[in-house]
N, C-alpha and C. Protein backbone atom coordinates (compact mmCIF):
# COMPACT_ATOMS: atom_id res chain seq x y z
N MET A 1 0.97 -1.14 -0.03
CA MET A 1 -0.03 -0.01 0.00
C MET A 1 0.85 1.26 0.11
N ILE A 2 0.74 2.16 -1.00
CA ILE A 2 1.43 3.45 -0.96
C ILE A 2 0.46 4.66 -0.47
N ILE A 3 1.07 5.28 0.56
CA ILE A 3 0.24 6.42 0.77
C ILE A 3 0.82 7.75 0.55
N PRO A 4 0.23 8.55 -0.29
CA PRO A 4 0.50 9.57 -0.81
C PRO A 4 1.11 10.64 0.38
N GLU A 5 2.31 11.34 -0.06
CA GLU A 5 2.89 12.18 0.97
C GLU A 5 1.98 13.45 1.23
N ALA A 6 1.16 13.86 0.37
CA ALA A 6 0.32 14.90 0.50
C ALA A 6 -0.54 14.73 1.83
N LEU A 7 -0.80 13.39 2.31
CA LEU A 7 -1.73 13.18 3.54
C LEU A 7 -0.89 13.73 4.56
N GLY A 8 0.23 13.98 4.66
CA GLY A 8 0.97 14.52 5.94
C GLY A 8 1.25 13.59 7.07
N ILE A 9 1.01 12.35 6.90
CA ILE A 9 1.23 11.18 7.90
C ILE A 9 2.52 11.14 8.41
N GLY A 10 3.54 11.25 7.64
CA GLY A 10 4.98 11.25 7.97
C GLY A 10 5.27 12.42 8.89
N LYS A 11 4.93 13.71 8.41
CA LYS A 11 5.01 14.98 9.12
C LYS A 11 4.38 14.91 10.41
N ALA A 12 3.09 14.43 10.53
CA ALA A 12 2.40 14.15 11.65
C ALA A 12 3.10 13.38 12.84
N LEU A 13 3.55 12.39 12.23
CA LEU A 13 4.17 11.18 13.13
C LEU A 13 5.48 11.74 13.60
N GLU A 14 6.20 12.42 12.75
CA GLU A 14 7.63 12.87 13.31
C GLU A 14 7.44 14.05 14.40
N GLU A 15 6.28 15.04 14.18
CA GLU A 15 5.99 16.06 15.19
C GLU A 15 5.74 15.48 16.41
N ARG A 16 4.92 14.54 16.46
CA ARG A 16 4.37 13.69 17.64
C ARG A 16 5.69 13.05 18.47
N CYS A 17 6.43 12.36 17.62
CA CYS A 17 7.48 12.02 18.15
C CYS A 17 8.42 13.12 18.82
N THR A 18 8.71 14.09 18.14
CA THR A 18 9.58 15.24 18.71
C THR A 18 8.79 15.77 19.87
N ALA A 19 7.51 15.79 20.06
CA ALA A 19 6.79 16.33 21.08
C ALA A 19 7.05 15.36 22.29
N LEU A 20 6.84 13.90 22.11
CA LEU A 20 7.10 13.22 23.21
C LEU A 20 8.58 13.23 23.79
N ALA A 21 9.58 13.36 22.73
CA ALA A 21 10.90 13.59 23.01
C ALA A 21 11.21 14.71 23.93
N ILE A 22 10.76 16.00 23.50
CA ILE A 22 10.61 16.88 24.54
C ILE A 22 10.15 16.86 25.93
N GLU A 23 8.98 16.29 25.92
CA GLU A 23 8.22 16.07 27.11
C GLU A 23 9.25 15.12 28.21
N ARG A 24 9.81 14.21 27.41
CA ARG A 24 10.62 13.34 28.11
C ARG A 24 12.20 13.86 28.47
N LYS A 25 12.52 14.98 28.12
CA LYS A 25 13.79 15.65 28.21
C LYS A 25 14.82 15.15 27.31
N CYS A 26 14.50 14.25 26.24
CA CYS A 26 15.56 13.71 25.47
C CYS A 26 16.39 14.67 24.89
N LYS A 27 17.61 14.47 24.61
CA LYS A 27 18.59 15.44 24.11
C LYS A 27 18.69 15.40 22.45
N ARG A 28 18.20 14.40 21.94
CA ARG A 28 18.33 14.29 20.37
C ARG A 28 17.26 13.06 20.04
N ILE A 29 17.02 13.27 18.78
CA ILE A 29 16.32 12.07 18.07
C ILE A 29 17.37 11.80 16.88
N MET A 30 17.80 10.45 16.87
CA MET A 30 18.60 9.97 15.62
C MET A 30 17.63 8.99 14.75
N VAL A 31 17.81 9.23 13.49
CA VAL A 31 17.14 8.48 12.53
C VAL A 31 18.10 7.88 11.52
N HIS A 32 18.20 6.57 11.37
CA HIS A 32 18.84 5.97 10.41
C HIS A 32 18.15 5.80 9.05
N SER A 33 18.79 6.33 7.90
CA SER A 33 18.09 6.07 6.42
C SER A 33 19.11 5.72 5.53
N ASN A 34 18.84 4.69 4.81
CA ASN A 34 19.56 4.20 3.80
C ASN A 34 20.08 5.26 2.89
N ALA A 35 21.20 5.26 2.38
CA ALA A 35 21.68 6.31 1.32
C ALA A 35 20.90 6.29 0.24
N ARG A 36 20.11 5.49 -0.30
CA ARG A 36 19.42 5.29 -1.41
C ARG A 36 17.88 5.87 -1.22
N ARG A 37 17.74 6.46 -0.02
CA ARG A 37 16.42 7.01 0.36
C ARG A 37 16.32 8.46 0.30
N THR A 38 16.70 8.91 -0.82
CA THR A 38 16.85 10.52 -0.92
C THR A 38 15.67 11.17 -0.68
N ASP A 39 14.31 10.82 -1.03
CA ASP A 39 13.20 11.35 -0.60
C ASP A 39 13.07 11.61 0.81
N ALA A 40 13.37 10.52 1.56
CA ALA A 40 13.37 10.39 3.23
C ALA A 40 14.44 11.33 3.54
N HIS A 41 15.61 11.63 3.07
CA HIS A 41 16.49 12.63 3.45
C HIS A 41 16.00 13.96 3.41
N ARG A 42 15.34 14.12 2.24
CA ARG A 42 14.55 15.58 1.95
C ARG A 42 13.88 15.84 3.14
N PHE A 43 12.78 14.79 3.25
CA PHE A 43 11.90 15.13 4.41
C PHE A 43 12.64 15.44 5.82
N TYR A 44 13.49 14.63 6.11
CA TYR A 44 14.17 14.88 7.48
C TYR A 44 14.55 16.12 7.53
N LEU A 45 15.35 16.61 6.38
CA LEU A 45 16.02 18.11 6.44
C LEU A 45 15.07 18.97 6.64
N ARG A 46 13.82 18.73 5.84
CA ARG A 46 12.90 19.84 6.07
C ARG A 46 12.21 19.78 7.37
N GLN A 47 12.38 18.85 8.25
CA GLN A 47 11.78 18.69 9.60
C GLN A 47 12.75 18.96 10.56
N GLY A 48 14.00 19.66 10.27
CA GLY A 48 14.96 20.25 11.03
C GLY A 48 16.06 19.38 11.34
N PHE A 49 15.98 18.17 10.99
CA PHE A 49 17.23 17.34 11.24
C PHE A 49 18.39 17.67 10.50
N VAL A 50 19.65 17.50 10.99
CA VAL A 50 20.94 17.60 10.27
C VAL A 50 21.53 16.32 10.02
N GLU A 51 22.51 16.36 8.78
CA GLU A 51 23.22 14.97 8.64
C GLU A 51 24.02 15.04 9.78
N TYR A 52 24.32 13.66 10.17
CA TYR A 52 25.37 13.21 11.15
C TYR A 52 26.07 12.11 10.54
N PRO A 53 27.25 12.50 9.94
CA PRO A 53 27.58 11.67 8.76
C PRO A 53 28.46 10.19 9.23
N LYS A 54 28.62 10.12 10.45
CA LYS A 54 29.44 8.67 10.90
C LYS A 54 28.65 7.81 11.40
N ASP A 55 28.22 6.69 10.63
CA ASP A 55 27.57 5.60 11.19
C ASP A 55 28.27 4.45 10.75
N PHE A 56 28.52 3.57 11.68
CA PHE A 56 29.02 2.34 11.55
C PHE A 56 28.50 1.25 11.98
N VAL A 57 28.39 0.08 11.20
CA VAL A 57 27.70 -1.08 11.65
C VAL A 57 28.47 -2.53 11.33
N LYS A 58 28.30 -3.33 12.22
CA LYS A 58 29.09 -4.65 12.15
C LYS A 58 27.87 -5.65 11.78
N PHE A 59 27.99 -6.25 10.71
CA PHE A 59 26.98 -7.46 10.52
C PHE A 59 27.46 -8.75 10.85
N LEU A 60 26.84 -9.57 11.51
CA LEU A 60 27.25 -10.79 12.19
C LEU A 60 26.66 -11.72 11.40
């Protein structure tokens, strides 16, 4: 099922998560997004996120 971006579900969800994080006195929200997900990257930047360039993973 594909949900059109115009519905604003992602924005509403992110804003609610941010509100909860603030209420709980969190210092940051970190999101991992695959390099190929450029639309998601633009979304996060519009929502006020900044790139945090060093992620490392060890697959087992």
